[in-house]
Amino acid sequence: MLIAGVVCLCAAVVSAAFGLWTLSRPRVADVNQLVLRAVAPTQLAAAVMLAAGGVVALATPMRTGLVVVIVCVLGALGTVAAGSWQSARFAARREEQPADCAGSCAACTLSCHS
């Protein structure tokens, strides 16, 4: 369980570092940067889950630690997958809008009648 605990803690540090790095960058209007920024909170949540799994793996008996590590790793993967899915849906909807669309139907309708 020592190896699993250390791997979980290292993965937690990497996930948190990527999430914090993304959030610390300035906001831009680029869709790719918006998607990366939207995934950052899920990366931080995954880091917390992985850190909890790593600490439990190091501090508890093997049977308990194994179950908690499995649950934490699956939870972290599921959280990042759900966040990525939502961000990808947002990006797909954003790219479907016309270039001159201001985000509302009224703006497009009014521009066609003038």
Protein backbone atom coordinates (compact mmCIF):
# COMPACT_ATOMS: atom_id res chain seq x y z
CA MET A 1 0.00 0.00 0.00
CA LEU A 2 3.00 2.25 0.36
CA ILE A 3 3.48 2.41 -3.41
CA ALA A 4 -0.24 3.03 -4.07
CA GLY A 5 -0.28 5.79 -1.46
CA VAL A 6 2.76 7.53 -2.90
CA VAL A 7 1.41 7.24 -6.46
CA CYS A 8 -1.93 8.72 -5.36
CA LEU A 9 -0.22 11.60 -3.60
CA CYS A 10 2.00 12.31 -6.63
CA ALA A 11 -1.02 12.23 -8.94
CA ALA A 12 -2.83 14.60 -6.56
CA VAL A 13 0.05 17.07 -6.69
CA VAL A 14 0.20 16.93 -10.50
CA SER A 15 -3.57 17.36 -10.85
CA ALA A 16 -3.62 20.28 -8.42
CA ALA A 17 -0.65 21.91 -10.16
CA PHE A 18 -2.35 21.75 -13.57
CA GLY A 19 -5.61 23.07 -12.13
CA LEU A 20 -3.96 25.96 -10.31
CA TRP A 21 -1.76 26.80 -13.31
CA THR A 22 -4.81 26.98 -15.56
CA LEU A 23 -6.72 29.17 -13.14
CA SER A 24 -3.77 31.52 -12.67
CA ARG A 25 -3.52 32.33 -16.39
CA PRO A 26 -5.35 35.41 -17.68
CA ARG A 27 -8.82 34.96 -19.14
CA VAL A 28 -9.05 35.01 -22.91
CA ALA A 29 -11.91 34.63 -25.39
CA ASP A 30 -10.37 31.59 -27.11
CA VAL A 31 -12.68 28.57 -26.88
CA ASN A 32 -9.81 26.17 -26.14
CA GLN A 33 -8.63 28.26 -23.20
CA LEU A 34 -12.20 28.55 -21.90
CA VAL A 35 -12.56 24.77 -21.99
CA LEU A 36 -9.27 24.26 -20.14
CA ARG A 37 -10.31 26.83 -17.56
CA ALA A 38 -13.67 25.11 -17.09
CA VAL A 39 -11.97 21.77 -16.38
CA ALA A 40 -9.65 23.27 -13.73
CA PRO A 41 -12.14 22.99 -10.81
CA THR A 42 -12.68 19.32 -11.57
CA GLN A 43 -8.91 18.83 -11.59
CA LEU A 44 -8.73 20.38 -8.14
CA ALA A 45 -11.56 18.15 -6.93
CA ALA A 46 -9.76 15.11 -8.33
CA ALA A 47 -6.59 16.22 -6.54
CA VAL A 48 -8.46 16.29 -3.23
CA MET A 49 -9.87 12.80 -3.86
CA LEU A 50 -6.49 11.40 -4.82
CA ALA A 51 -4.82 13.01 -1.81
CA ALA A 52 -7.44 11.50 0.49
CA GLY A 53 -6.88 8.08 -1.09
CA GLY A 54 -3.12 8.42 -0.72
CA VAL A 55 -3.31 9.41 2.94
CA VAL A 56 -5.70 6.57 3.74
CA ALA A 57 -3.48 4.10 1.87
CA LEU A 58 -0.51 5.15 3.97
CA ALA A 59 -2.34 5.26 7.31
CA THR A 60 -4.70 2.28 7.37
CA PRO A 61 -4.46 -1.50 7.08
CA MET A 62 -4.18 -2.99 3.61
CA ARG A 63 -7.79 -4.15 3.17
CA THR A 64 -9.31 -0.82 4.13
CA GLY A 65 -6.69 1.15 2.25
CA LEU A 66 -7.21 -0.81 -0.95
CA VAL A 67 -10.96 -0.22 -0.99
CA VAL A 68 -10.56 3.50 -0.28
CA VAL A 69 -7.83 3.91 -2.93
CA ILE A 70 -10.01 2.21 -5.54
CA VAL A 71 -13.01 4.38 -4.66
CA CYS A 72 -10.92 7.57 -4.65
CA VAL A 73 -9.22 6.83 -7.96
CA LEU A 74 -12.50 5.94 -9.66
CA GLY A 75 -14.14 9.04 -8.18
CA ALA A 76 -11.31 11.26 -9.40
CA LEU A 77 -11.43 9.77 -12.90
CA GLY A 78 -15.20 10.10 -13.02
CA THR A 79 -15.06 13.70 -11.85
CA VAL A 80 -12.51 14.71 -14.48
CA ALA A 81 -14.40 12.79 -17.17
CA ALA A 82 -17.68 14.51 -16.29
CA GLY A 83 -16.02 17.92 -16.24
CA SER A 84 -14.35 17.27 -19.57
CA TRP A 85 -17.63 16.09 -21.09
CA GLN A 86 -19.44 19.23 -19.94
CA SER A 87 -16.65 21.46 -21.24
CA ALA A 88 -16.61 19.69 -24.60
CA ARG A 89 -20.38 20.17 -24.91
CA PHE A 90 -19.94 23.87 -24.14
CA ALA A 91 -17.24 24.20 -26.80
CA ALA A 92 -19.36 22.39 -29.39
CA ARG A 93 -22.34 24.66 -28.73
CA ARG A 94 -20.12 27.73 -28.86
CA GLU A 95 -18.68 26.78 -32.25
CA GLU A 96 -22.15 26.18 -33.70
CA GLN A 97 -23.15 29.82 -33.17
CA PRO A 98 -22.78 32.10 -36.18
CA ALA A 99 -19.76 34.41 -36.08
CA ASP A 100 -21.87 37.56 -35.84
CA CYS A 101 -24.23 36.16 -33.22
CA ALA A 102 -24.13 38.01 -29.90
CA GLY A 103 -25.50 35.00 -28.04
CA SER A 104 -29.17 35.91 -28.27
CA CYS A 105 -31.73 35.32 -30.97
CA ALA A 106 -32.90 38.93 -30.75
CA ALA A 107 -29.50 40.24 -31.88
CA CYS A 108 -29.48 37.96 -34.94
CA THR A 109 -33.13 38.71 -35.77
CA LEU A 110 -32.68 42.46 -35.47
CA SER A 111 -29.54 42.46 -37.61
CA CYS A 112 -31.36 40.64 -40.42
CA HIS A 113 -34.18 43.19 -40.56
CA SER A 114 -32.07 46.32 -40.68
